[in-house]
Protein backbone atom coordinates (compact mmCIF):
# COMPACT_ATOMS: atom_id res chain seq x y z
CA UNK A 1 1.39 26.30 2.89
CA UNK A 2 0.37 28.32 5.65
CA UNK A 3 3.35 30.20 6.20
CA UNK A 4 3.70 30.41 2.18
CA UNK A 5 0.49 32.29 2.28
CA UNK A 6 1.52 34.93 5.38
CA UNK A 7 4.80 35.91 4.41
CA UNK A 8 2.86 36.47 0.29
CA UNK A 9 1.57 39.52 2.38
CA UNK A 10 4.76 40.80 3.56
CA UNK A 11 6.78 41.63 0.67
CA UNK A 12 8.48 39.96 -2.30
CA UNK A 13 11.80 39.11 0.06
CA UNK A 14 10.07 37.08 2.10
CA UNK A 15 8.12 35.19 -0.49
CA UNK A 16 11.18 34.47 -2.41
CA UNK A 17 12.66 32.74 0.76
CA UNK A 18 9.45 30.90 1.20
CA UNK A 19 9.59 29.52 -2.42
CA UNK A 20 13.03 28.61 -2.19
CA UNK A 21 12.12 26.64 1.15
CA UNK A 22 9.47 25.11 -0.56
CA UNK A 23 11.41 24.06 -3.75
CA UNK A 24 14.03 22.45 -1.56
CA UNK A 25 11.03 20.25 0.02
CA UNK A 26 9.51 19.52 -3.05
CA UNK A 27 12.96 18.43 -4.59
CA UNK A 28 13.19 16.18 -1.37
CA UNK A 29 9.71 14.85 -1.59
CA UNK A 30 9.94 14.25 -4.66
CA UNK A 31 12.90 11.96 -4.07
CA UNK A 32 10.60 9.94 -2.02
CA UNK A 33 7.71 9.85 -4.28
CA UNK A 34 9.76 8.62 -7.10
CA UNK A 35 11.73 6.40 -5.00
CA UNK A 36 14.99 7.94 -5.13
CA UNK A 37 17.44 7.63 -2.05
CA UNK A 38 20.35 9.96 -2.22
CA UNK A 39 22.30 8.40 0.33
CA UNK A 40 23.80 5.24 -0.98
CA UNK A 41 24.69 3.80 2.65
CA UNK A 42 20.80 4.16 3.80
CA UNK A 43 19.81 0.85 4.09
CA UNK A 44 16.33 1.52 4.07
CA UNK A 45 16.31 1.07 0.09
CA UNK A 46 16.82 -2.40 0.19
CA UNK A 47 18.75 -3.89 -2.95
CA UNK A 48 16.87 -4.92 -6.02
CA UNK A 49 17.70 -8.40 -7.38
CA UNK A 50 21.05 -9.08 -9.65
CA UNK A 51 20.80 -10.00 -13.55
CA UNK A 52 21.61 -12.97 -12.20
CA UNK A 53 18.92 -13.49 -9.76
CA UNK A 54 16.43 -11.99 -12.70
CA UNK A 55 17.11 -14.76 -14.86
CA UNK A 56 14.58 -16.50 -12.59
CA UNK A 57 11.92 -14.38 -14.16
CA UNK A 58 12.64 -14.86 -17.96
CA UNK A 59 9.43 -17.13 -18.24
CA UNK A 60 7.24 -14.75 -16.13
CA UNK A 61 4.85 -13.08 -18.80
CA UNK A 62 5.00 -9.67 -17.41
CA UNK A 63 8.50 -9.61 -17.29
CA UNK A 64 11.00 -8.24 -20.23
CA UNK A 65 14.47 -7.16 -20.33
CA UNK A 66 15.54 -4.48 -21.94
CA UNK A 67 19.51 -3.06 -23.11
CA UNK A 68 20.21 0.59 -21.37
CA UNK A 69 22.51 3.14 -23.50
CA UNK A 70 25.81 1.35 -22.38
CA UNK A 71 24.40 -1.98 -23.95
CA UNK A 72 23.51 -3.52 -20.34
CA UNK A 73 20.40 -5.96 -20.28
CA UNK A 74 18.33 -5.01 -17.27
CA UNK A 75 14.69 -7.12 -16.51
CA UNK A 76 11.69 -5.14 -15.86
CA UNK A 77 8.20 -6.26 -14.62
CA UNK A 78 5.49 -4.98 -16.87
CA UNK A 79 1.76 -4.37 -16.24
CA UNK A 80 -1.36 -5.81 -18.38
CA UNK A 81 -2.88 -2.33 -19.87
CA UNK A 82 -0.64 -1.67 -23.10
CA UNK A 83 -1.34 2.18 -22.26
CA UNK A 84 0.84 2.18 -18.95
CA UNK A 85 2.90 -1.38 -19.32
CA UNK A 86 5.69 1.31 -17.21
CA UNK A 87 3.76 3.62 -15.45
CA UNK A 88 4.91 7.37 -16.39
CA UNK A 89 6.67 9.24 -13.43
CA UNK A 90 5.01 12.51 -12.49
CA UNK A 91 6.39 15.79 -13.95
CA UNK A 92 8.31 17.77 -11.34
CA UNK A 93 5.75 20.56 -11.60
CA UNK A 94 3.16 18.08 -11.06
CA UNK A 95 4.44 17.14 -7.76
CA UNK A 96 5.63 20.34 -6.46
CA UNK A 97 1.88 21.77 -7.60
CA UNK A 98 0.72 18.77 -5.27
CA UNK A 99 3.05 19.62 -2.51
CA UNK A 100 2.69 23.01 -2.39
CA UNK A 101 -1.11 23.29 -2.85
CA UNK A 102 -2.47 20.38 -1.22
CA UNK A 103 -5.87 21.56 0.70
CA UNK A 104 -5.55 22.15 4.71
CA UNK A 105 -7.60 19.48 5.39
CA UNK A 106 -5.42 16.80 3.92
CA UNK A 107 -4.52 16.28 7.26
CA UNK A 108 -7.19 15.52 9.98
CA UNK A 109 -7.39 18.68 12.61
CA UNK A 110 -7.22 16.06 15.57
CA UNK A 111 -5.75 12.47 15.66
CA UNK A 112 -8.25 9.41 14.28
CA UNK A 113 -10.15 7.37 17.11
CA UNK A 114 -9.10 3.79 17.56
CA UNK A 115 -9.76 0.93 19.97
CA UNK A 116 -6.71 -0.37 21.49
CA UNK A 117 -7.23 -4.26 20.83
CA UNK A 118 -4.80 -6.73 22.79
CA UNK A 119 -3.66 -8.40 19.55
CA UNK A 120 -1.34 -11.02 21.61
CA UNK A 121 -4.73 -12.72 22.85
CA UNK A 122 -6.96 -11.91 19.80
CA UNK A 123 -8.83 -15.25 18.78
CA UNK A 124 -11.48 -15.16 16.54
CA UNK A 125 -13.84 -18.19 15.13
CA UNK A 126 -14.47 -16.64 11.92
CA UNK A 127 -11.90 -14.44 9.83
CA UNK A 128 -11.51 -10.94 11.16
CA UNK A 129 -9.95 -8.04 10.19
CA UNK A 130 -7.90 -5.30 12.54
CA UNK A 131 -6.72 -2.05 10.48
CA UNK A 132 -3.30 -0.07 11.62
CA UNK A 133 -3.83 2.70 9.29
CA UNK A 134 -3.23 3.30 5.33
CA UNK A 135 -3.03 -0.13 3.96
CA UNK A 136 -1.65 -1.83 7.13
CA UNK A 137 -4.04 -4.58 8.55
CA UNK A 138 -3.98 -8.06 10.11
CA UNK A 139 -6.39 -10.94 9.20
CA UNK A 140 -6.90 -13.43 12.26
CA UNK A 141 -8.97 -16.52 12.52
CA UNK A 142 -8.79 -19.25 15.70
CA UNK A 143 -5.07 -17.61 16.41
CA UNK A 144 -3.34 -17.59 13.15
CA UNK A 145 -2.38 -14.01 12.24
CA UNK A 146 -1.69 -12.62 8.77
CA UNK A 147 -0.07 -9.20 8.66
CA UNK A 148 -0.45 -7.22 5.70
CA UNK A 149 2.21 -4.47 4.34
CA UNK A 150 2.90 -3.27 8.19
CA UNK A 151 4.33 0.00 7.95
CA UNK A 152 4.42 1.24 11.88
CA UNK A 153 7.54 3.64 11.63
CA UNK A 154 6.19 7.34 11.44
CA UNK A 155 7.51 8.21 7.85
CA UNK A 156 6.81 6.62 5.02
CA UNK A 157 10.06 7.02 3.21
CA UNK A 158 13.44 6.86 3.12
CA UNK A 159 14.19 9.31 5.62
CA UNK A 160 12.40 10.35 8.92
CA UNK A 161 11.21 13.89 8.00
CA UNK A 162 9.60 13.20 4.49
CA UNK A 163 6.06 12.09 4.55
CA UNK A 164 5.73 11.89 8.50
CA UNK A 165 2.42 9.95 9.80
CA UNK A 166 -0.49 11.71 10.98
CA UNK A 167 -0.46 12.32 14.83
CA UNK A 168 -1.76 9.59 16.63
CA UNK A 169 -2.74 8.59 20.24
CA UNK A 170 -1.94 4.87 19.24
CA UNK A 171 0.95 3.37 18.04
CA UNK A 172 1.71 -0.47 17.09
CA UNK A 173 5.03 -2.30 17.17
CA UNK A 174 6.62 -5.69 17.92
CA UNK A 175 6.06 -5.64 21.36
CA UNK A 176 2.06 -6.16 20.52
CA UNK A 177 3.12 -9.48 18.82
CA UNK A 178 4.02 -12.70 20.34
CA UNK A 179 4.44 -14.15 16.99
CA UNK A 180 2.85 -13.61 13.35
CA UNK A 181 2.29 -16.37 11.28
CA UNK A 182 2.43 -15.02 7.58
CA UNK A 183 3.78 -11.59 6.89
CA UNK A 184 1.97 -10.31 3.10
CA UNK A 185 3.84 -7.53 1.08
CA UNK A 186 2.02 -6.26 -1.94
CA UNK A 187 5.16 -4.01 -3.56
CA UNK A 188 8.02 -2.42 -2.29
CA UNK A 189 7.14 1.18 -2.10
CA UNK A 190 7.87 2.94 1.20
CA UNK A 191 4.62 3.16 2.44
CA UNK A 192 3.67 -1.09 1.69
CA UNK A 193 7.59 -2.16 2.58
CA UNK A 194 8.97 -0.56 5.78
CA UNK A 195 12.67 -1.21 6.68
CA UNK A 196 12.00 -0.45 10.00
CA UNK A 197 9.47 -2.40 10.98
CA UNK A 198 10.42 -5.77 8.79
CA UNK A 199 13.64 -4.85 11.27
CA UNK A 200 11.49 -4.80 14.73
CA UNK A 201 9.19 -8.09 13.67
CA UNK A 202 11.54 -10.10 11.25
CA UNK A 203 12.28 -12.88 14.49
CA UNK A 204 8.95 -12.61 15.32
CA UNK A 205 7.69 -13.80 11.58
CA UNK A 206 7.40 -17.39 10.91
CA UNK A 207 7.11 -16.78 6.97
CA UNK A 208 6.95 -14.01 4.48
CA UNK A 209 5.02 -13.78 1.06
CA UNK A 210 5.98 -11.55 -1.49
CA UNK A 211 5.99 -10.92 -5.22
CA UNK A 212 8.48 -11.77 -7.38
CA UNK A 213 11.96 -9.99 -6.59
CA UNK A 214 10.65 -8.40 -3.52
CA UNK A 215 12.32 -11.28 -1.32
CA UNK A 216 16.00 -9.72 -2.13
CA UNK A 217 15.11 -6.62 -0.11
CA UNK A 218 14.39 -9.18 2.36
CA UNK A 219 17.61 -10.99 2.50
CA UNK A 220 19.14 -8.11 2.07
CA UNK A 221 17.58 -6.98 5.54
CA UNK A 222 18.57 -9.99 7.27
CA UNK A 223 15.92 -12.47 6.63
CA UNK A 224 16.55 -15.86 6.36
CA UNK A 225 15.72 -17.05 2.79
CA UNK A 226 14.30 -20.40 4.17
CA UNK A 227 11.44 -17.96 5.56
CA UNK A 228 10.55 -16.36 2.07
CA UNK A 229 8.02 -17.33 -0.51
CA UNK A 230 8.05 -15.09 -3.41
CA UNK A 231 5.25 -15.71 -6.50
CA UNK A 232 4.40 -14.56 -9.62
CA UNK A 233 0.60 -13.57 -10.61
CA UNK A 234 -1.94 -16.16 -10.24
CA UNK A 235 0.82 -18.48 -8.28
CA UNK A 236 -0.93 -19.92 -5.15
CA UNK A 237 0.47 -21.22 -1.63
CA UNK A 238 -1.24 -23.20 0.83
CA UNK A 239 -0.52 -21.51 4.41
CA UNK A 240 -2.60 -24.18 6.60
CA UNK A 241 -5.30 -26.84 5.64
CA UNK A 242 -7.91 -23.96 5.34
CA UNK A 243 -5.74 -21.00 4.15
CA UNK A 244 -4.27 -20.07 0.48
CA UNK A 245 -3.07 -17.22 -0.58
CA UNK A 246 -2.85 -16.30 -4.57
CA UNK A 247 -0.86 -13.87 -6.32
CA UNK A 248 -3.08 -11.90 -8.75
CA UNK A 249 -2.43 -9.19 -11.18
CA UNK A 250 -2.72 -5.19 -10.06
CA UNK A 251 -1.84 -1.94 -12.24
CA UNK A 252 0.88 -0.38 -10.39
CA UNK A 253 4.80 0.05 -10.19
CA UNK A 254 7.70 -0.72 -7.63
CA UNK A 255 10.80 0.93 -6.70
CA UNK A 256 13.14 2.51 -3.96
CA UNK A 257 15.76 4.08 -5.92
CA UNK A 258 16.07 5.73 -9.43
CA UNK A 259 15.24 2.07 -10.60
CA UNK A 260 11.85 1.66 -11.08
CA UNK A 261 9.63 -1.82 -11.65
CA UNK A 262 12.62 -4.40 -10.89
CA UNK A 263 10.49 -6.47 -8.80
CA UNK A 264 6.72 -7.55 -9.14
CA UNK A 265 3.59 -5.55 -7.28
CA UNK A 266 0.66 -7.98 -6.73
CA UNK A 267 -2.55 -7.67 -4.94
CA UNK A 268 -3.77 -11.26 -3.66
CA UNK A 269 -7.15 -13.50 -3.13
CA UNK A 270 -6.93 -15.05 0.01
CA UNK A 271 -9.58 -17.69 0.87
CA UNK A 272 -9.97 -18.43 4.86
CA UNK A 273 -12.46 -21.34 5.86
CA UNK A 274 -14.42 -21.29 2.80
CA UNK A 275 -14.68 -17.06 2.84
CA UNK A 276 -12.62 -15.40 -0.20
CA UNK A 277 -10.85 -12.46 0.65
CA UNK A 278 -9.22 -9.48 -1.88
CA UNK A 279 -6.21 -7.70 -0.86
CA UNK A 280 -6.03 -4.90 -3.16
CA UNK A 281 -2.50 -3.66 -2.88
CA UNK A 282 -2.00 -0.49 -4.35
CA UNK A 283 -3.40 0.27 -8.77
CA UNK A 284 -5.08 1.95 -10.81
CA UNK A 285 -8.40 0.46 -12.82
CA UNK A 286 -8.22 -1.90 -15.70
CA UNK A 287 -9.42 -5.01 -16.77
CA UNK A 288 -7.61 -7.33 -14.15
CA UNK A 289 -10.42 -7.08 -11.33
CA UNK A 290 -12.80 -8.73 -13.85
CA UNK A 291 -10.57 -11.56 -14.44
CA UNK A 292 -10.17 -11.81 -10.59
CA UNK A 293 -13.85 -12.10 -10.03
CA UNK A 294 -14.16 -14.29 -12.60
CA UNK A 295 -11.87 -16.95 -12.40
CA UNK A 296 -12.97 -17.10 -8.28
CA UNK A 297 -16.34 -16.81 -9.04
CA UNK A 298 -16.94 -13.99 -7.25
CA UNK A 299 -15.19 -12.61 -3.45
CA UNK A 300 -16.63 -12.43 -0.20
CA UNK A 301 -14.91 -9.42 1.03
CA UNK A 302 -12.71 -7.23 -0.92
CA UNK A 303 -10.14 -4.81 0.97
CA UNK A 304 -9.81 -1.98 -1.30
CA UNK A 305 -7.47 1.19 -2.26
CA UNK A 306 -9.24 4.44 -1.89
CA UNK A 307 -7.18 7.32 -1.29
CA UNK A 308 -4.07 9.10 -2.53
CA UNK A 309 -5.15 9.69 -5.66
CA UNK A 310 -4.59 12.33 -8.09
CA UNK A 311 -4.34 13.47 -11.85
CA UNK A 312 -0.43 13.11 -12.23
CA UNK A 313 -0.85 9.64 -11.28
CA UNK A 314 -4.10 8.37 -12.00
CA UNK A 315 -2.95 4.80 -13.32
CA UNK A 316 -0.89 4.38 -10.10
CA UNK A 317 -4.34 4.53 -8.02
CA UNK A 318 -8.20 4.42 -8.58
CA UNK A 319 -10.20 7.44 -7.97
CA UNK A 320 -13.41 6.49 -6.40
CA UNK A 321 -15.37 6.04 -8.82
CA UNK A 322 -12.97 3.22 -10.23
CA UNK A 323 -13.00 1.36 -6.62
CA UNK A 324 -16.71 0.93 -6.58
CA UNK A 325 -16.45 -0.32 -10.31
CA UNK A 326 -13.41 -2.91 -9.33
CA UNK A 327 -15.94 -3.94 -6.50
CA UNK A 328 -18.71 -4.60 -9.25
CA UNK A 329 -16.03 -6.15 -11.58
CA UNK A 330 -14.81 -8.86 -8.68
CA UNK A 331 -18.22 -9.43 -7.97
CA UNK A 332 -17.60 -8.41 -4.42
CA UNK A 333 -20.47 -8.89 -1.50
CA UNK A 334 -18.68 -6.24 0.58
CA UNK A 335 -16.24 -3.21 0.91
CA UNK A 336 -13.56 -2.51 3.30
CA UNK A 337 -11.91 0.60 2.42
CA UNK A 338 -7.72 1.19 3.08
CA UNK A 339 -4.95 3.41 1.69
CA UNK A 340 -6.36 6.44 3.86
CA UNK A 341 -5.90 7.67 7.17
CA UNK A 342 -2.00 7.86 7.60
CA UNK A 343 -0.23 9.44 5.26
CA UNK A 344 -0.84 12.65 2.50
CA UNK A 345 -0.33 11.15 -1.20
CA UNK A 346 -3.18 12.64 -2.80
CA UNK A 347 -4.91 15.82 -3.58
CA UNK A 348 -7.75 15.75 -1.47
CA UNK A 349 -9.19 16.20 1.95
CA UNK A 350 -8.13 12.92 4.32
CA UNK A 351 -11.59 11.53 4.49
CA UNK A 352 -12.98 12.67 1.06
CA UNK A 353 -12.46 9.45 -0.37
CA UNK A 354 -14.30 7.85 1.86
CA UNK A 355 -17.43 10.17 1.82
CA UNK A 356 -17.41 9.84 -1.85
CA UNK A 357 -17.54 5.90 -1.80
CA UNK A 358 -19.77 5.18 1.23
CA UNK A 359 -22.34 7.74 -0.63
CA UNK A 360 -21.71 5.71 -3.66
CA UNK A 361 -21.92 2.02 -2.12
CA UNK A 362 -25.16 2.83 -0.17
CA UNK A 363 -26.58 4.15 -4.06
CA UNK A 364 -24.87 0.12 -5.56
CA UNK A 365 -26.48 -1.28 -2.79
CA UNK A 366 -22.78 -2.65 -1.94
CA UNK A 367 -22.31 -3.21 1.91
CA UNK A 368 -19.10 -1.28 3.10
CA UNK A 369 -17.72 -1.38 6.42
CA UNK A 370 -15.54 1.13 7.96
CA UNK A 371 -13.89 -0.05 11.41
CA UNK A 372 -12.05 2.46 12.91
CA UNK A 373 -8.21 1.69 13.94
CA UNK A 374 -7.58 -1.57 16.23
CA UNK A 375 -10.70 -2.25 15.82
CA UNK A 376 -11.41 -6.16 14.95
CA UNK A 377 -14.28 -6.75 12.60
CA UNK A 378 -15.99 -10.48 12.02
CA UNK A 379 -16.32 -10.74 8.16
CA UNK A 380 -19.37 -12.82 9.10
CA UNK A 381 -20.80 -10.30 11.56
CA UNK A 382 -22.85 -6.42 9.70
CA UNK A 383 -20.39 -3.79 8.19
CA UNK A 384 -19.38 -1.45 10.84
CA UNK A 385 -20.67 2.07 10.02
CA UNK A 386 -20.12 4.04 12.84
CA UNK A 387 -19.50 8.05 12.09
CA UNK A 388 -15.85 8.20 13.51
CA UNK A 389 -14.53 9.94 10.48
CA UNK A 390 -16.36 12.89 10.04
CA UNK A 391 -14.09 15.92 11.21
């Protein structure tokens, strides 16, 4: 964007050249944003469930069959909100405006601070949280490790030159884990389901828990079917005698190609030794937060997406005031914000959502914990409030 501004001052020929470059970049970026992979041999795009596999979804309340213009029946998952059963894709010009005119500080001016925790030896008595940036984190208790939406490659797209991660002095990978008891995926977008990471970790993971249909991608990438459990909303799975995971609704979409909503998207409630933890995944605000709060009698810790919002995709991601309302609806005793700090997908400064949410939570007397990258946070201890993010 700086180059665009500079050449604008040196003549129309240079301006036109840079506009062309920007348009090309926007088209490529839009492909990633919209889940389009132009390379049919690109394994990263995965494989949606076949129509035959989708027959097992027919009884799911938020699944429907539709005929395309050629009379071929295809199955799709839907949101609860009748206004946005299927999230409308942003217009190309809205995506172009986002990529061309996002603020200068959409990325931090220096790498984020971190704590280099030894994940192999980590063993906490109570449920604990370790954040790896964006929506990737680990929950650990007494040596039992649950990895959520790990993206350890440096890009969130089918191609390594699109949607690059922030510069960082720390990187995580398979060498950081001896084994992973459970790997949880919330939906199949590239910034949550990362092909290189799955390939690197799949032999160290004992069990995968994913929304309906997402197992098709994993099987395509060589994960043993016996290691995969697919859940529909409100379906539960006991992971250990003291740990249960329940798939719960979210308002979002799915897709790694031009075909959207062929796999389910989910939030989850994880109950660990009596502590109820909400994992939001991605999603816009709607009444499901209140329903989840009521069904579980409140939430102890709500790990909520907070960032990458834009009016062009307002139903896909919550604005900060909506994040606070979601916490209130959930009857959450504390918030941990995620979905920031690694990739740019919103039209705001990288730390704007965090600053705003902290102020809102303080005003509403809702505790908020903001651990830095790699820092261990025990849920039974006071919130982490060190200001490491103000730059």
